[in-house]
Amino acid sequence: SLRLATGPATYAFSRTVNSVPLVVA
């Protein structure tokens, strides 16, 4: 029964991350 919220994306979950992995593409 799980649903994923729609609408404008929120990136609050990444507010405290100062670097993330990157792929060559």
PDBML (XML) file of the C-alpha atoms, coordinates in Angstrom:
<?xml version="1.0" encoding="UTF-8" ?>
<PDBx:datablock datablockName="MODEL"
   xmlns:PDBx="http://pdbml.pdb.org/schema/pdbx-v50.xsd"
   xmlns:xsi="http://www.w3.org/2001/XMLSchema-instance"
   xsi:schemaLocation="http://pdbml.pdb.org/schema/pdbx-v50.xsd pdbx-v50.xsd">
   <PDBx:atom_siteCategory>
      <PDBx:atom_site id="1">
         <PDBx:B_iso_or_equiv>0.00</PDBx:B_iso_or_equiv>
         <PDBx:Cartn_x>0.000</PDBx:Cartn_x>
         <PDBx:Cartn_y>0.000</PDBx:Cartn_y>
         <PDBx:Cartn_z>0.000</PDBx:Cartn_z>
         <PDBx:auth_asym_id>A</PDBx:auth_asym_id>
         <PDBx:auth_atom_id>CA</PDBx:auth_atom_id>
         <PDBx:auth_comp_id>SER</PDBx:auth_comp_id>
         <PDBx:auth_seq_id>1</PDBx:auth_seq_id>
         <PDBx:group_PDB>ATOM</PDBx:group_PDB>
         <PDBx:label_alt_id xsi:nil="true" />
         <PDBx:label_asym_id>A</PDBx:label_asym_id>
         <PDBx:label_atom_id>CA</PDBx:label_atom_id>
         <PDBx:label_comp_id>SER</PDBx:label_comp_id>
         <PDBx:label_entity_id>1</PDBx:label_entity_id>
         <PDBx:label_seq_id>1</PDBx:label_seq_id>
         <PDBx:occupancy>1.00</PDBx:occupancy>
         <PDBx:pdbx_PDB_model_num>1</PDBx:pdbx_PDB_model_num>
         <PDBx:type_symbol>C</PDBx:type_symbol>
      </PDBx:atom_site>
      <PDBx:atom_site id="2">
         <PDBx:B_iso_or_equiv>0.00</PDBx:B_iso_or_equiv>
         <PDBx:Cartn_x>3.039</PDBx:Cartn_x>
         <PDBx:Cartn_y>2.286</PDBx:Cartn_y>
         <PDBx:Cartn_z>-0.082</PDBx:Cartn_z>
         <PDBx:auth_asym_id>A</PDBx:auth_asym_id>
         <PDBx:auth_atom_id>CA</PDBx:auth_atom_id>
         <PDBx:auth_comp_id>LEU</PDBx:auth_comp_id>
         <PDBx:auth_seq_id>2</PDBx:auth_seq_id>
         <PDBx:group_PDB>ATOM</PDBx:group_PDB>
         <PDBx:label_alt_id xsi:nil="true" />
         <PDBx:label_asym_id>A</PDBx:label_asym_id>
         <PDBx:label_atom_id>CA</PDBx:label_atom_id>
         <PDBx:label_comp_id>LEU</PDBx:label_comp_id>
         <PDBx:label_entity_id>1</PDBx:label_entity_id>
         <PDBx:label_seq_id>2</PDBx:label_seq_id>
         <PDBx:occupancy>1.00</PDBx:occupancy>
         <PDBx:pdbx_PDB_model_num>1</PDBx:pdbx_PDB_model_num>
         <PDBx:type_symbol>C</PDBx:type_symbol>
      </PDBx:atom_site>
      <PDBx:atom_site id="3">
         <PDBx:B_iso_or_equiv>0.00</PDBx:B_iso_or_equiv>
         <PDBx:Cartn_x>2.760</PDBx:Cartn_x>
         <PDBx:Cartn_y>5.516</PDBx:Cartn_y>
         <PDBx:Cartn_z>-2.077</PDBx:Cartn_z>
         <PDBx:auth_asym_id>A</PDBx:auth_asym_id>
         <PDBx:auth_atom_id>CA</PDBx:auth_atom_id>
         <PDBx:auth_comp_id>ARG</PDBx:auth_comp_id>
         <PDBx:auth_seq_id>3</PDBx:auth_seq_id>
         <PDBx:group_PDB>ATOM</PDBx:group_PDB>
         <PDBx:label_alt_id xsi:nil="true" />
         <PDBx:label_asym_id>A</PDBx:label_asym_id>
         <PDBx:label_atom_id>CA</PDBx:label_atom_id>
         <PDBx:label_comp_id>ARG</PDBx:label_comp_id>
         <PDBx:label_entity_id>1</PDBx:label_entity_id>
         <PDBx:label_seq_id>3</PDBx:label_seq_id>
         <PDBx:occupancy>1.00</PDBx:occupancy>
         <PDBx:pdbx_PDB_model_num>1</PDBx:pdbx_PDB_model_num>
         <PDBx:type_symbol>C</PDBx:type_symbol>
      </PDBx:atom_site>
      <PDBx:atom_site id="4">
         <PDBx:B_iso_or_equiv>0.00</PDBx:B_iso_or_equiv>
         <PDBx:Cartn_x>5.334</PDBx:Cartn_x>
         <PDBx:Cartn_y>8.071</PDBx:Cartn_y>
         <PDBx:Cartn_z>-3.203</PDBx:Cartn_z>
         <PDBx:auth_asym_id>A</PDBx:auth_asym_id>
         <PDBx:auth_atom_id>CA</PDBx:auth_atom_id>
         <PDBx:auth_comp_id>LEU</PDBx:auth_comp_id>
         <PDBx:auth_seq_id>4</PDBx:auth_seq_id>
         <PDBx:group_PDB>ATOM</PDBx:group_PDB>
         <PDBx:label_alt_id xsi:nil="true" />
         <PDBx:label_asym_id>A</PDBx:label_asym_id>
         <PDBx:label_atom_id>CA</PDBx:label_atom_id>
         <PDBx:label_comp_id>LEU</PDBx:label_comp_id>
         <PDBx:label_entity_id>1</PDBx:label_entity_id>
         <PDBx:label_seq_id>4</PDBx:label_seq_id>
         <PDBx:occupancy>1.00</PDBx:occupancy>
         <PDBx:pdbx_PDB_model_num>1</PDBx:pdbx_PDB_model_num>
         <PDBx:type_symbol>C</PDBx:type_symbol>
      </PDBx:atom_site>
      <PDBx:atom_site id="5">
         <PDBx:B_iso_or_equiv>0.00</PDBx:B_iso_or_equiv>
         <PDBx:Cartn_x>4.500</PDBx:Cartn_x>
         <PDBx:Cartn_y>11.761</PDBx:Cartn_y>
         <PDBx:Cartn_z>-2.860</PDBx:Cartn_z>
         <PDBx:auth_asym_id>A</PDBx:auth_asym_id>
         <PDBx:auth_atom_id>CA</PDBx:auth_atom_id>
         <PDBx:auth_comp_id>ALA</PDBx:auth_comp_id>
         <PDBx:auth_seq_id>5</PDBx:auth_seq_id>
         <PDBx:group_PDB>ATOM</PDBx:group_PDB>
         <PDBx:label_alt_id xsi:nil="true" />
         <PDBx:label_asym_id>A</PDBx:label_asym_id>
         <PDBx:label_atom_id>CA</PDBx:label_atom_id>
         <PDBx:label_comp_id>ALA</PDBx:label_comp_id>
         <PDBx:label_entity_id>1</PDBx:label_entity_id>
         <PDBx:label_seq_id>5</PDBx:label_seq_id>
         <PDBx:occupancy>1.00</PDBx:occupancy>
         <PDBx:pdbx_PDB_model_num>1</PDBx:pdbx_PDB_model_num>
         <PDBx:type_symbol>C</PDBx:type_symbol>
      </PDBx:atom_site>
      <PDBx:atom_site id="6">
         <PDBx:B_iso_or_equiv>0.00</PDBx:B_iso_or_equiv>
         <PDBx:Cartn_x>4.137</PDBx:Cartn_x>
         <PDBx:Cartn_y>13.693</PDBx:Cartn_y>
         <PDBx:Cartn_z>-6.107</PDBx:Cartn_z>
         <PDBx:auth_asym_id>A</PDBx:auth_asym_id>
         <PDBx:auth_atom_id>CA</PDBx:auth_atom_id>
         <PDBx:auth_comp_id>THR</PDBx:auth_comp_id>
         <PDBx:auth_seq_id>6</PDBx:auth_seq_id>
         <PDBx:group_PDB>ATOM</PDBx:group_PDB>
         <PDBx:label_alt_id xsi:nil="true" />
         <PDBx:label_asym_id>A</PDBx:label_asym_id>
         <PDBx:label_atom_id>CA</PDBx:label_atom_id>
         <PDBx:label_comp_id>THR</PDBx:label_comp_id>
         <PDBx:label_entity_id>1</PDBx:label_entity_id>
         <PDBx:label_seq_id>6</PDBx:label_seq_id>
         <PDBx:occupancy>1.00</PDBx:occupancy>
         <PDBx:pdbx_PDB_model_num>1</PDBx:pdbx_PDB_model_num>
         <PDBx:type_symbol>C</PDBx:type_symbol>
      </PDBx:atom_site>
      <PDBx:atom_site id="7">
         <PDBx:B_iso_or_equiv>0.00</PDBx:B_iso_or_equiv>
         <PDBx:Cartn_x>4.596</PDBx:Cartn_x>
         <PDBx:Cartn_y>17.373</PDBx:Cartn_y>
         <PDBx:Cartn_z>-6.832</PDBx:Cartn_z>
         <PDBx:auth_asym_id>A</PDBx:auth_asym_id>
         <PDBx:auth_atom_id>CA</PDBx:auth_atom_id>
         <PDBx:auth_comp_id>GLY</PDBx:auth_comp_id>
         <PDBx:auth_seq_id>7</PDBx:auth_seq_id>
         <PDBx:group_PDB>ATOM</PDBx:group_PDB>
         <PDBx:label_alt_id xsi:nil="true" />
         <PDBx:label_asym_id>A</PDBx:label_asym_id>
         <PDBx:label_atom_id>CA</PDBx:label_atom_id>
         <PDBx:label_comp_id>GLY</PDBx:label_comp_id>
         <PDBx:label_entity_id>1</PDBx:label_entity_id>
         <PDBx:label_seq_id>7</PDBx:label_seq_id>
         <PDBx:occupancy>1.00</PDBx:occupancy>
         <PDBx:pdbx_PDB_model_num>1</PDBx:pdbx_PDB_model_num>
         <PDBx:type_symbol>C</PDBx:type_symbol>
      </PDBx:atom_site>
      <PDBx:atom_site id="8">
         <PDBx:B_iso_or_equiv>0.00</PDBx:B_iso_or_equiv>
         <PDBx:Cartn_x>7.724</PDBx:Cartn_x>
         <PDBx:Cartn_y>19.542</PDBx:Cartn_y>
         <PDBx:Cartn_z>-6.634</PDBx:Cartn_z>
         <PDBx:auth_asym_id>A</PDBx:auth_asym_id>
         <PDBx:auth_atom_id>CA</PDBx:auth_atom_id>
         <PDBx:auth_comp_id>PRO</PDBx:auth_comp_id>
         <PDBx:auth_seq_id>8</PDBx:auth_seq_id>
         <PDBx:group_PDB>ATOM</PDBx:group_PDB>
         <PDBx:label_alt_id xsi:nil="true" />
         <PDBx:label_asym_id>A</PDBx:label_asym_id>
         <PDBx:label_atom_id>CA</PDBx:label_atom_id>
         <PDBx:label_comp_id>PRO</PDBx:label_comp_id>
         <PDBx:label_entity_id>1</PDBx:label_entity_id>
         <PDBx:label_seq_id>8</PDBx:label_seq_id>
         <PDBx:occupancy>1.00</PDBx:occupancy>
         <PDBx:pdbx_PDB_model_num>1</PDBx:pdbx_PDB_model_num>
         <PDBx:type_symbol>C</PDBx:type_symbol>
      </PDBx:atom_site>
      <PDBx:atom_site id="9">
         <PDBx:B_iso_or_equiv>0.00</PDBx:B_iso_or_equiv>
         <PDBx:Cartn_x>10.753</PDBx:Cartn_x>
         <PDBx:Cartn_y>17.560</PDBx:Cartn_y>
         <PDBx:Cartn_z>-5.506</PDBx:Cartn_z>
         <PDBx:auth_asym_id>A</PDBx:auth_asym_id>
         <PDBx:auth_atom_id>CA</PDBx:auth_atom_id>
         <PDBx:auth_comp_id>ALA</PDBx:auth_comp_id>
         <PDBx:auth_seq_id>9</PDBx:auth_seq_id>
         <PDBx:group_PDB>ATOM</PDBx:group_PDB>
         <PDBx:label_alt_id xsi:nil="true" />
         <PDBx:label_asym_id>A</PDBx:label_asym_id>
         <PDBx:label_atom_id>CA</PDBx:label_atom_id>
         <PDBx:label_comp_id>ALA</PDBx:label_comp_id>
         <PDBx:label_entity_id>1</PDBx:label_entity_id>
         <PDBx:label_seq_id>9</PDBx:label_seq_id>
         <PDBx:occupancy>1.00</PDBx:occupancy>
         <PDBx:pdbx_PDB_model_num>1</PDBx:pdbx_PDB_model_num>
         <PDBx:type_symbol>C</PDBx:type_symbol>
      </PDBx:atom_site>
      <PDBx:atom_site id="10">
         <PDBx:B_iso_or_equiv>0.00</PDBx:B_iso_or_equiv>
         <PDBx:Cartn_x>12.074</PDBx:Cartn_x>
         <PDBx:Cartn_y>18.235</PDBx:Cartn_y>
         <PDBx:Cartn_z>-2.033</PDBx:Cartn_z>
         <PDBx:auth_asym_id>A</PDBx:auth_asym_id>
         <PDBx:auth_atom_id>CA</PDBx:auth_atom_id>
         <PDBx:auth_comp_id>THR</PDBx:auth_comp_id>
         <PDBx:auth_seq_id>10</PDBx:auth_seq_id>
         <PDBx:group_PDB>ATOM</PDBx:group_PDB>
         <PDBx:label_alt_id xsi:nil="true" />
         <PDBx:label_asym_id>A</PDBx:label_asym_id>
         <PDBx:label_atom_id>CA</PDBx:label_atom_id>
         <PDBx:label_comp_id>THR</PDBx:label_comp_id>
         <PDBx:label_entity_id>1</PDBx:label_entity_id>
         <PDBx:label_seq_id>10</PDBx:label_seq_id>
         <PDBx:occupancy>1.00</PDBx:occupancy>
         <PDBx:pdbx_PDB_model_num>1</PDBx:pdbx_PDB_model_num>
         <PDBx:type_symbol>C</PDBx:type_symbol>
      </PDBx:atom_site>
      <PDBx:atom_site id="11">
         <PDBx:B_iso_or_equiv>0.00</PDBx:B_iso_or_equiv>
         <PDBx:Cartn_x>15.736</PDBx:Cartn_x>
         <PDBx:Cartn_y>17.649</PDBx:Cartn_y>
         <PDBx:Cartn_z>-1.280</PDBx:Cartn_z>
         <PDBx:auth_asym_id>A</PDBx:auth_asym_id>
         <PDBx:auth_atom_id>CA</PDBx:auth_atom_id>
         <PDBx:auth_comp_id>TYR</PDBx:auth_comp_id>
         <PDBx:auth_seq_id>11</PDBx:auth_seq_id>
         <PDBx:group_PDB>ATOM</PDBx:group_PDB>
         <PDBx:label_alt_id xsi:nil="true" />
         <PDBx:label_asym_id>A</PDBx:label_asym_id>
         <PDBx:label_atom_id>CA</PDBx:label_atom_id>
         <PDBx:label_comp_id>TYR</PDBx:label_comp_id>
         <PDBx:label_entity_id>1</PDBx:label_entity_id>
         <PDBx:label_seq_id>11</PDBx:label_seq_id>
         <PDBx:occupancy>1.00</PDBx:occupancy>
         <PDBx:pdbx_PDB_model_num>1</PDBx:pdbx_PDB_model_num>
         <PDBx:type_symbol>C</PDBx:type_symbol>
      </PDBx:atom_site>
      <PDBx:atom_site id="12">
         <PDBx:B_iso_or_equiv>0.00</PDBx:B_iso_or_equiv>
         <PDBx:Cartn_x>15.623</PDBx:Cartn_x>
         <PDBx:Cartn_y>18.319</PDBx:Cartn_y>
         <PDBx:Cartn_z>2.447</PDBx:Cartn_z>
         <PDBx:auth_asym_id>A</PDBx:auth_asym_id>
         <PDBx:auth_atom_id>CA</PDBx:auth_atom_id>
         <PDBx:auth_comp_id>ALA</PDBx:auth_comp_id>
         <PDBx:auth_seq_id>12</PDBx:auth_seq_id>
         <PDBx:group_PDB>ATOM</PDBx:group_PDB>
         <PDBx:label_alt_id xsi:nil="true" />
         <PDBx:label_asym_id>A</PDBx:label_asym_id>
         <PDBx:label_atom_id>CA</PDBx:label_atom_id>
         <PDBx:label_comp_id>ALA</PDBx:label_comp_id>
         <PDBx:label_entity_id>1</PDBx:label_entity_id>
         <PDBx:label_seq_id>12</PDBx:label_seq_id>
         <PDBx:occupancy>1.00</PDBx:occupancy>
         <PDBx:pdbx_PDB_model_num>1</PDBx:pdbx_PDB_model_num>
         <PDBx:type_symbol>C</PDBx:type_symbol>
      </PDBx:atom_site>
      <PDBx:atom_site id="13">
         <PDBx:B_iso_or_equiv>0.00</PDBx:B_iso_or_equiv>
         <PDBx:Cartn_x>16.999</PDBx:Cartn_x>
         <PDBx:Cartn_y>14.811</PDBx:Cartn_y>
         <PDBx:Cartn_z>3.010</PDBx:Cartn_z>
         <PDBx:auth_asym_id>A</PDBx:auth_asym_id>
         <PDBx:auth_atom_id>CA</PDBx:auth_atom_id>
         <PDBx:auth_comp_id>PHE</PDBx:auth_comp_id>
         <PDBx:auth_seq_id>13</PDBx:auth_seq_id>
         <PDBx:group_PDB>ATOM</PDBx:group_PDB>
         <PDBx:label_alt_id xsi:nil="true" />
         <PDBx:label_asym_id>A</PDBx:label_asym_id>
         <PDBx:label_atom_id>CA</PDBx:label_atom_id>
         <PDBx:label_comp_id>PHE</PDBx:label_comp_id>
         <PDBx:label_entity_id>1</PDBx:label_entity_id>
         <PDBx:label_seq_id>13</PDBx:label_seq_id>
         <PDBx:occupancy>1.00</PDBx:occupancy>
         <PDBx:pdbx_PDB_model_num>1</PDBx:pdbx_PDB_model_num>
         <PDBx:type_symbol>C</PDBx:type_symbol>
      </PDBx:atom_site>
      <PDBx:atom_site id="14">
         <PDBx:B_iso_or_equiv>0.00</PDBx:B_iso_or_equiv>
         <PDBx:Cartn_x>20.343</PDBx:Cartn_x>
         <PDBx:Cartn_y>15.934</PDBx:Cartn_y>
         <PDBx:Cartn_z>1.511</PDBx:Cartn_z>
         <PDBx:auth_asym_id>A</PDBx:auth_asym_id>
         <PDBx:auth_atom_id>CA</PDBx:auth_atom_id>
         <PDBx:auth_comp_id>SER</PDBx:auth_comp_id>
         <PDBx:auth_seq_id>14</PDBx:auth_seq_id>
         <PDBx:group_PDB>ATOM</PDBx:group_PDB>
         <PDBx:label_alt_id xsi:nil="true" />
         <PDBx:label_asym_id>A</PDBx:label_asym_id>
         <PDBx:label_atom_id>CA</PDBx:label_atom_id>
         <PDBx:label_comp_id>SER</PDBx:label_comp_id>
         <PDBx:label_entity_id>1</PDBx:label_entity_id>
         <PDBx:label_seq_id>14</PDBx:label_seq_id>
         <PDBx:occupancy>1.00</PDBx:occupancy>
         <PDBx:pdbx_PDB_model_num>1</PDBx:pdbx_PDB_model_num>
         <PDBx:type_symbol>C</PDBx:type_symbol>
      </PDBx:atom_site>
      <PDBx:atom_site id="15">
         <PDBx:B_iso_or_equiv>0.00</PDBx:B_iso_or_equiv>
         <PDBx:Cartn_x>20.708</PDBx:Cartn_x>
         <PDBx:Cartn_y>19.264</PDBx:Cartn_y>
         <PDBx:Cartn_z>3.318</PDBx:Cartn_z>
         <PDBx:auth_asym_id>A</PDBx:auth_asym_id>
         <PDBx:auth_atom_id>CA</PDBx:auth_atom_id>
         <PDBx:auth_comp_id>ARG</PDBx:auth_comp_id>
         <PDBx:auth_seq_id>15</PDBx:auth_seq_id>
         <PDBx:group_PDB>ATOM</PDBx:group_PDB>
         <PDBx:label_alt_id xsi:nil="true" />
         <PDBx:label_asym_id>A</PDBx:label_asym_id>
         <PDBx:label_atom_id>CA</PDBx:label_atom_id>
         <PDBx:label_comp_id>ARG</PDBx:label_comp_id>
         <PDBx:label_entity_id>1</PDBx:label_entity_id>
         <PDBx:label_seq_id>15</PDBx:label_seq_id>
         <PDBx:occupancy>1.00</PDBx:occupancy>
         <PDBx:pdbx_PDB_model_num>1</PDBx:pdbx_PDB_model_num>
         <PDBx:type_symbol>C</PDBx:type_symbol>
      </PDBx:atom_site>
      <PDBx:atom_site id="16">
         <PDBx:B_iso_or_equiv>0.00</PDBx:B_iso_or_equiv>
         <PDBx:Cartn_x>23.465</PDBx:Cartn_x>
         <PDBx:Cartn_y>17.956</PDBx:Cartn_y>
         <PDBx:Cartn_z>5.605</PDBx:Cartn_z>
         <PDBx:auth_asym_id>A</PDBx:auth_asym_id>
         <PDBx:auth_atom_id>CA</PDBx:auth_atom_id>
         <PDBx:auth_comp_id>THR</PDBx:auth_comp_id>
         <PDBx:auth_seq_id>16</PDBx:auth_seq_id>
         <PDBx:group_PDB>ATOM</PDBx:group_PDB>
         <PDBx:label_alt_id xsi:nil="true" />
         <PDBx:label_asym_id>A</PDBx:label_asym_id>
         <PDBx:label_atom_id>CA</PDBx:label_atom_id>
         <PDBx:label_comp_id>THR</PDBx:label_comp_id>
         <PDBx:label_entity_id>1</PDBx:label_entity_id>
         <PDBx:label_seq_id>16</PDBx:label_seq_id>
         <PDBx:occupancy>1.00</PDBx:occupancy>
         <PDBx:pdbx_PDB_model_num>1</PDBx:pdbx_PDB_model_num>
         <PDBx:type_symbol>C</PDBx:type_symbol>
      </PDBx:atom_site>
      <PDBx:atom_site id="17">
         <PDBx:B_iso_or_equiv>0.00</PDBx:B_iso_or_equiv>
         <PDBx:Cartn_x>25.530</PDBx:Cartn_x>
         <PDBx:Cartn_y>16.157</PDBx:Cartn_y>
         <PDBx:Cartn_z>2.941</PDBx:Cartn_z>
         <PDBx:auth_asym_id>A</PDBx:auth_asym_id>
         <PDBx:auth_atom_id>CA</PDBx:auth_atom_id>
         <PDBx:auth_comp_id>VAL</PDBx:auth_comp_id>
         <PDBx:auth_seq_id>17</PDBx:auth_seq_id>
         <PDBx:group_PDB>ATOM</PDBx:group_PDB>
         <PDBx:label_alt_id xsi:nil="true" />
         <PDBx:label_asym_id>A</PDBx:label_asym_id>
         <PDBx:label_atom_id>CA</PDBx:label_atom_id>
         <PDBx:label_comp_id>VAL</PDBx:label_comp_id>
         <PDBx:label_entity_id>1</PDBx:label_entity_id>
         <PDBx:label_seq_id>17</PDBx:label_seq_id>
         <PDBx:occupancy>1.00</PDBx:occupancy>
         <PDBx:pdbx_PDB_model_num>1</PDBx:pdbx_PDB_model_num>
         <PDBx:type_symbol>C</PDBx:type_symbol>
      </PDBx:atom_site>
      <PDBx:atom_site id="18">
         <PDBx:B_iso_or_equiv>0.00</PDBx:B_iso_or_equiv>
         <PDBx:Cartn_x>28.503</PDBx:Cartn_x>
         <PDBx:Cartn_y>18.148</PDBx:Cartn_y>
         <PDBx:Cartn_z>1.636</PDBx:Cartn_z>
         <PDBx:auth_asym_id>A</PDBx:auth_asym_id>
         <PDBx:auth_atom_id>CA</PDBx:auth_atom_id>
         <PDBx:auth_comp_id>ASN</PDBx:auth_comp_id>
         <PDBx:auth_seq_id>18</PDBx:auth_seq_id>
         <PDBx:group_PDB>ATOM</PDBx:group_PDB>
         <PDBx:label_alt_id xsi:nil="true" />
         <PDBx:label_asym_id>A</PDBx:label_asym_id>
         <PDBx:label_atom_id>CA</PDBx:label_atom_id>
         <PDBx:label_comp_id>ASN</PDBx:label_comp_id>
         <PDBx:label_entity_id>1</PDBx:label_entity_id>
         <PDBx:label_seq_id>18</PDBx:label_seq_id>
         <PDBx:occupancy>1.00</PDBx:occupancy>
         <PDBx:pdbx_PDB_model_num>1</PDBx:pdbx_PDB_model_num>
         <PDBx:type_symbol>C</PDBx:type_symbol>
      </PDBx:atom_site>
      <PDBx:atom_site id="19">
         <PDBx:B_iso_or_equiv>0.00</PDBx:B_iso_or_equiv>
         <PDBx:Cartn_x>29.603</PDBx:Cartn_x>
         <PDBx:Cartn_y>15.642</PDBx:Cartn_y>
         <PDBx:Cartn_z>-1.031</PDBx:Cartn_z>
         <PDBx:auth_asym_id>A</PDBx:auth_asym_id>
         <PDBx:auth_atom_id>CA</PDBx:auth_atom_id>
         <PDBx:auth_comp_id>SER</PDBx:auth_comp_id>
         <PDBx:auth_seq_id>19</PDBx:auth_seq_id>
         <PDBx:group_PDB>ATOM</PDBx:group_PDB>
         <PDBx:label_alt_id xsi:nil="true" />
         <PDBx:label_asym_id>A</PDBx:label_asym_id>
         <PDBx:label_atom_id>CA</PDBx:label_atom_id>
         <PDBx:label_comp_id>SER</PDBx:label_comp_id>
         <PDBx:label_entity_id>1</PDBx:label_entity_id>
         <PDBx:label_seq_id>19</PDBx:label_seq_id>
         <PDBx:occupancy>1.00</PDBx:occupancy>
         <PDBx:pdbx_PDB_model_num>1</PDBx:pdbx_PDB_model_num>
         <PDBx:type_symbol>C</PDBx:type_symbol>
      </PDBx:atom_site>
      <PDBx:atom_site id="20">
         <PDBx:B_iso_or_equiv>0.00</PDBx:B_iso_or_equiv>
         <PDBx:Cartn_x>28.097</PDBx:Cartn_x>
         <PDBx:Cartn_y>12.730</PDBx:Cartn_y>
         <PDBx:Cartn_z>-2.956</PDBx:Cartn_z>
         <PDBx:auth_asym_id>A</PDBx:auth_asym_id>
         <PDBx:auth_atom_id>CA</PDBx:auth_atom_id>
         <PDBx:auth_comp_id>VAL</PDBx:auth_comp_id>
         <PDBx:auth_seq_id>20</PDBx:auth_seq_id>
         <PDBx:group_PDB>ATOM</PDBx:group_PDB>
         <PDBx:label_alt_id xsi:nil="true" />
         <PDBx:label_asym_id>A</PDBx:label_asym_id>
         <PDBx:label_atom_id>CA</PDBx:label_atom_id>
         <PDBx:label_comp_id>VAL</PDBx:label_comp_id>
         <PDBx:label_entity_id>1</PDBx:label_entity_id>
         <PDBx:label_seq_id>20</PDBx:label_seq_id>
         <PDBx:occupancy>1.00</PDBx:occupancy>
         <PDBx:pdbx_PDB_model_num>1</PDBx:pdbx_PDB_model_num>
         <PDBx:type_symbol>C</PDBx:type_symbol>
      </PDBx:atom_site>
      <PDBx:atom_site id="21">
         <PDBx:B_iso_or_equiv>0.00</PDBx:B_iso_or_equiv>
         <PDBx:Cartn_x>29.443</PDBx:Cartn_x>
         <PDBx:Cartn_y>10.102</PDBx:Cartn_y>
         <PDBx:Cartn_z>-5.373</PDBx:Cartn_z>
         <PDBx:auth_asym_id>A</PDBx:auth_asym_id>
         <PDBx:auth_atom_id>CA</PDBx:auth_atom_id>
         <PDBx:auth_comp_id>PRO</PDBx:auth_comp_id>
         <PDBx:auth_seq_id>21</PDBx:auth_seq_id>
         <PDBx:group_PDB>ATOM</PDBx:group_PDB>
         <PDBx:label_alt_id xsi:nil="true" />
         <PDBx:label_asym_id>A</PDBx:label_asym_id>
         <PDBx:label_atom_id>CA</PDBx:label_atom_id>
         <PDBx:label_comp_id>PRO</PDBx:label_comp_id>
         <PDBx:label_entity_id>1</PDBx:label_entity_id>
         <PDBx:label_seq_id>21</PDBx:label_seq_id>
         <PDBx:occupancy>1.00</PDBx:occupancy>
         <PDBx:pdbx_PDB_model_num>1</PDBx:pdbx_PDB_model_num>
         <PDBx:type_symbol>C</PDBx:type_symbol>
      </PDBx:atom_site>
      <PDBx:atom_site id="22">
         <PDBx:B_iso_or_equiv>0.00</PDBx:B_iso_or_equiv>
         <PDBx:Cartn_x>29.408</PDBx:Cartn_x>
         <PDBx:Cartn_y>10.864</PDBx:Cartn_y>
         <PDBx:Cartn_z>-9.085</PDBx:Cartn_z>
         <PDBx:auth_asym_id>A</PDBx:auth_asym_id>
         <PDBx:auth_atom_id>CA</PDBx:auth_atom_id>
         <PDBx:auth_comp_id>LEU</PDBx:auth_comp_id>
         <PDBx:auth_seq_id>22</PDBx:auth_seq_id>
         <PDBx:group_PDB>ATOM</PDBx:group_PDB>
         <PDBx:label_alt_id xsi:nil="true" />
         <PDBx:label_asym_id>A</PDBx:label_asym_id>
         <PDBx:label_atom_id>CA</PDBx:label_atom_id>
         <PDBx:label_comp_id>LEU</PDBx:label_comp_id>
         <PDBx:label_entity_id>1</PDBx:label_entity_id>
         <PDBx:label_seq_id>22</PDBx:label_seq_id>
         <PDBx:occupancy>1.00</PDBx:occupancy>
         <PDBx:pdbx_PDB_model_num>1</PDBx:pdbx_PDB_model_num>
         <PDBx:type_symbol>C</PDBx:type_symbol>
      </PDBx:atom_site>
      <PDBx:atom_site id="23">
         <PDBx:B_iso_or_equiv>0.00</PDBx:B_iso_or_equiv>
         <PDBx:Cartn_x>29.426</PDBx:Cartn_x>
         <PDBx:Cartn_y>8.557</PDBx:Cartn_y>
         <PDBx:Cartn_z>-12.105</PDBx:Cartn_z>
         <PDBx:auth_asym_id>A</PDBx:auth_asym_id>
         <PDBx:auth_atom_id>CA</PDBx:auth_atom_id>
         <PDBx:auth_comp_id>VAL</PDBx:auth_comp_id>
         <PDBx:auth_seq_id>23</PDBx:auth_seq_id>
         <PDBx:group_PDB>ATOM</PDBx:group_PDB>
         <PDBx:label_alt_id xsi:nil="true" />
         <PDBx:label_asym_id>A</PDBx:label_asym_id>
         <PDBx:label_atom_id>CA</PDBx:label_atom_id>
         <PDBx:label_comp_id>VAL</PDBx:label_comp_id>
         <PDBx:label_entity_id>1</PDBx:label_entity_id>
         <PDBx:label_seq_id>23</PDBx:label_seq_id>
         <PDBx:occupancy>1.00</PDBx:occupancy>
         <PDBx:pdbx_PDB_model_num>1</PDBx:pdbx_PDB_model_num>
         <PDBx:type_symbol>C</PDBx:type_symbol>
      </PDBx:atom_site>
      <PDBx:atom_site id="24">
         <PDBx:B_iso_or_equiv>0.00</PDBx:B_iso_or_equiv>
         <PDBx:Cartn_x>31.406</PDBx:Cartn_x>
         <PDBx:Cartn_y>9.279</PDBx:Cartn_y>
         <PDBx:Cartn_z>-15.265</PDBx:Cartn_z>
         <PDBx:auth_asym_id>A</PDBx:auth_asym_id>
         <PDBx:auth_atom_id>CA</PDBx:auth_atom_id>
         <PDBx:auth_comp_id>VAL</PDBx:auth_comp_id>
         <PDBx:auth_seq_id>24</PDBx:auth_seq_id>
         <PDBx:group_PDB>ATOM</PDBx:group_PDB>
         <PDBx:label_alt_id xsi:nil="true" />
         <PDBx:label_asym_id>A</PDBx:label_asym_id>
         <PDBx:label_atom_id>CA</PDBx:label_atom_id>
         <PDBx:label_comp_id>VAL</PDBx:label_comp_id>
         <PDBx:label_entity_id>1</PDBx:label_entity_id>
         <PDBx:label_seq_id>24</PDBx:label_seq_id>
         <PDBx:occupancy>1.00</PDBx:occupancy>
         <PDBx:pdbx_PDB_model_num>1</PDBx:pdbx_PDB_model_num>
         <PDBx:type_symbol>C</PDBx:type_symbol>
      </PDBx:atom_site>
      <PDBx:atom_site id="25">
         <PDBx:B_iso_or_equiv>0.00</PDBx:B_iso_or_equiv>
         <PDBx:Cartn_x>28.275</PDBx:Cartn_x>
         <PDBx:Cartn_y>9.851</PDBx:Cartn_y>
         <PDBx:Cartn_z>-17.354</PDBx:Cartn_z>
         <PDBx:auth_asym_id>A</PDBx:auth_asym_id>
         <PDBx:auth_atom_id>CA</PDBx:auth_atom_id>
         <PDBx:auth_comp_id>ALA</PDBx:auth_comp_id>
         <PDBx:auth_seq_id>25</PDBx:auth_seq_id>
         <PDBx:group_PDB>ATOM</PDBx:group_PDB>
         <PDBx:label_alt_id xsi:nil="true" />
         <PDBx:label_asym_id>A</PDBx:label_asym_id>
         <PDBx:label_atom_id>CA</PDBx:label_atom_id>
         <PDBx:label_comp_id>ALA</PDBx:label_comp_id>
         <PDBx:label_entity_id>1</PDBx:label_entity_id>
         <PDBx:label_seq_id>25</PDBx:label_seq_id>
         <PDBx:occupancy>1.00</PDBx:occupancy>
         <PDBx:pdbx_PDB_model_num>1</PDBx:pdbx_PDB_model_num>
         <PDBx:type_symbol>C</PDBx:type_symbol>
      </PDBx:atom_site>
   </PDBx:atom_siteCategory>
</PDBx:datablock>
